[in-house]
Amino acid sequence: MSANVNNLSENAARAAAKQIVNNQGFAGANPHLTAAQIDAIQGGLDWPNDVPVFSPFAITHNGYSQVRYNGQKYLCHRVTYRECHGRIEANHDISHTVYVGSLTSR
């Protein structure tokens, strides 16, 4: 069971997101991104608006990837949403897939 990302402070959400993007497998998981896009993401969590960004971590049996931060597991798509947009409202669902043709299958 993943921990609630709303329990993370803004700084902790940023640190957890940095852990995802600074993983050595990040560039390999995102071959569709340019070097400039990867540098922008890794340098300042400047997320591109027009292309998906994939986690370098293994995908679980139900299609999610998780990051461990301070001993807790968090779903990567929820961590990055929390870092980028703030708290997730109780009645909102955050999709872990982006519908962009062939890239969606990654």
Protein backbone atom coordinates (compact mmCIF):
# COMPACT_ATOMS: atom_id res chain seq x y z
CA MET A 1 0.00 0.00 0.00
CA SER A 2 1.35 3.39 -0.97
CA ALA A 3 1.49 6.30 1.44
CA ASN A 4 -0.61 9.43 0.89
CA VAL A 5 1.38 12.08 -1.01
CA ASN A 6 -0.68 14.83 0.60
CA ASN A 7 1.20 14.04 3.81
CA LEU A 8 4.42 15.21 2.14
CA SER A 9 5.48 18.82 2.59
CA GLU A 10 6.25 20.78 -0.57
CA ASN A 11 9.97 20.28 0.06
CA ALA A 12 9.54 16.55 0.65
CA ALA A 13 7.42 16.16 -2.52
CA ARG A 14 10.15 17.97 -4.45
CA ALA A 15 12.85 15.74 -2.94
CA ALA A 16 10.87 12.58 -3.79
CA ALA A 17 10.34 13.81 -7.37
CA LYS A 18 14.06 14.59 -7.66
CA GLN A 19 14.79 11.05 -6.52
CA ILE A 20 12.72 9.78 -9.48
CA VAL A 21 14.29 12.00 -12.14
CA ASN A 22 17.87 11.72 -10.85
CA ASN A 23 17.78 7.92 -10.98
CA GLN A 24 20.43 6.56 -13.37
CA GLY A 25 17.72 4.88 -15.46
CA PHE A 26 15.68 8.05 -16.05
CA ALA A 27 17.11 8.93 -19.50
CA GLY A 28 16.78 5.32 -20.64
CA ALA A 29 13.12 5.26 -19.60
CA ASN A 30 12.53 8.43 -21.66
CA PRO A 31 14.29 8.00 -25.02
CA HIS A 32 11.66 10.24 -26.65
CA LEU A 33 12.84 13.27 -24.63
CA THR A 34 15.57 15.55 -25.92
CA ALA A 35 18.74 16.09 -23.93
CA ALA A 36 17.52 19.63 -23.20
CA GLN A 37 14.20 18.33 -21.85
CA ILE A 38 15.98 15.80 -19.62
CA ASP A 39 18.35 18.50 -18.35
CA ALA A 40 15.40 20.81 -17.59
CA ILE A 41 13.57 18.06 -15.70
CA GLN A 42 16.60 16.91 -13.75
CA GLY A 43 17.89 20.41 -13.10
CA GLY A 44 14.74 22.13 -11.93
CA LEU A 45 11.79 19.75 -12.31
CA ASP A 46 10.70 21.73 -15.35
CA TRP A 47 8.15 19.26 -16.71
CA PRO A 48 7.35 19.36 -20.45
CA ASN A 49 3.70 20.04 -21.28
CA ASP A 50 3.50 18.23 -24.60
CA VAL A 51 5.12 14.84 -23.94
CA PRO A 52 4.87 12.17 -21.24
CA VAL A 53 7.61 11.50 -18.73
CA PHE A 54 8.10 7.91 -17.62
CA SER A 55 9.41 6.62 -14.31
CA PRO A 56 12.66 4.65 -14.36
CA PHE A 57 11.32 2.34 -11.67
CA ALA A 58 9.78 -1.07 -12.25
CA ILE A 59 6.06 -1.21 -12.88
CA THR A 60 3.96 -3.22 -10.43
CA HIS A 61 1.47 -5.91 -11.45
CA ASN A 62 -1.25 -3.25 -11.73
CA GLY A 63 0.72 -0.83 -13.92
CA TYR A 64 2.04 1.64 -11.34
CA SER A 65 5.59 2.56 -10.46
CA GLN A 66 6.60 3.55 -6.95
CA VAL A 67 9.39 5.50 -5.33
CA ARG A 68 10.57 4.91 -1.76
CA TYR A 69 11.12 8.15 0.11
CA ASN A 70 11.95 8.28 3.84
CA GLY A 71 10.93 4.65 4.26
CA GLN A 72 7.51 5.05 2.63
CA LYS A 73 6.41 3.98 -0.84
CA TYR A 74 4.65 6.58 -3.00
CA LEU A 75 3.14 6.19 -6.46
CA CYS A 76 5.39 8.09 -8.89
CA HIS A 77 2.56 9.71 -10.84
CA ARG A 78 1.07 11.07 -7.62
CA VAL A 79 4.44 12.34 -6.36
CA THR A 80 5.12 14.23 -9.58
CA TYR A 81 1.58 15.66 -9.65
CA ARG A 82 1.93 16.75 -6.02
CA GLU A 83 5.28 18.39 -6.74
CA CYS A 84 4.01 20.19 -9.83
CA HIS A 85 0.44 21.15 -8.86
CA GLY A 86 0.17 20.88 -5.07
CA ARG A 87 -2.17 18.85 -2.91
CA ILE A 88 -4.49 16.36 -4.57
CA GLU A 89 -8.13 17.05 -3.78
CA ALA A 90 -10.07 14.19 -2.19
CA ASN A 91 -12.44 13.88 -5.17
CA HIS A 92 -9.70 13.91 -7.83
CA ASP A 93 -8.09 10.90 -9.46
CA ILE A 94 -4.62 11.30 -10.96
CA SER A 95 -4.04 9.17 -14.07
CA HIS A 96 -0.76 7.29 -14.30
CA THR A 97 -1.06 6.98 -18.08
CA VAL A 98 -0.92 9.60 -20.78
CA TYR A 99 -2.80 8.92 -23.98
CA VAL A 100 -0.22 9.77 -26.63
CA GLY A 101 -0.40 6.97 -29.14
CA SER A 102 2.45 4.48 -29.16
CA LEU A 103 4.16 6.06 -26.15
CA THR A 104 1.22 5.07 -23.94
CA SER A 105 2.27 1.44 -24.19
CA ARG A 106 5.51 2.18 -22.31
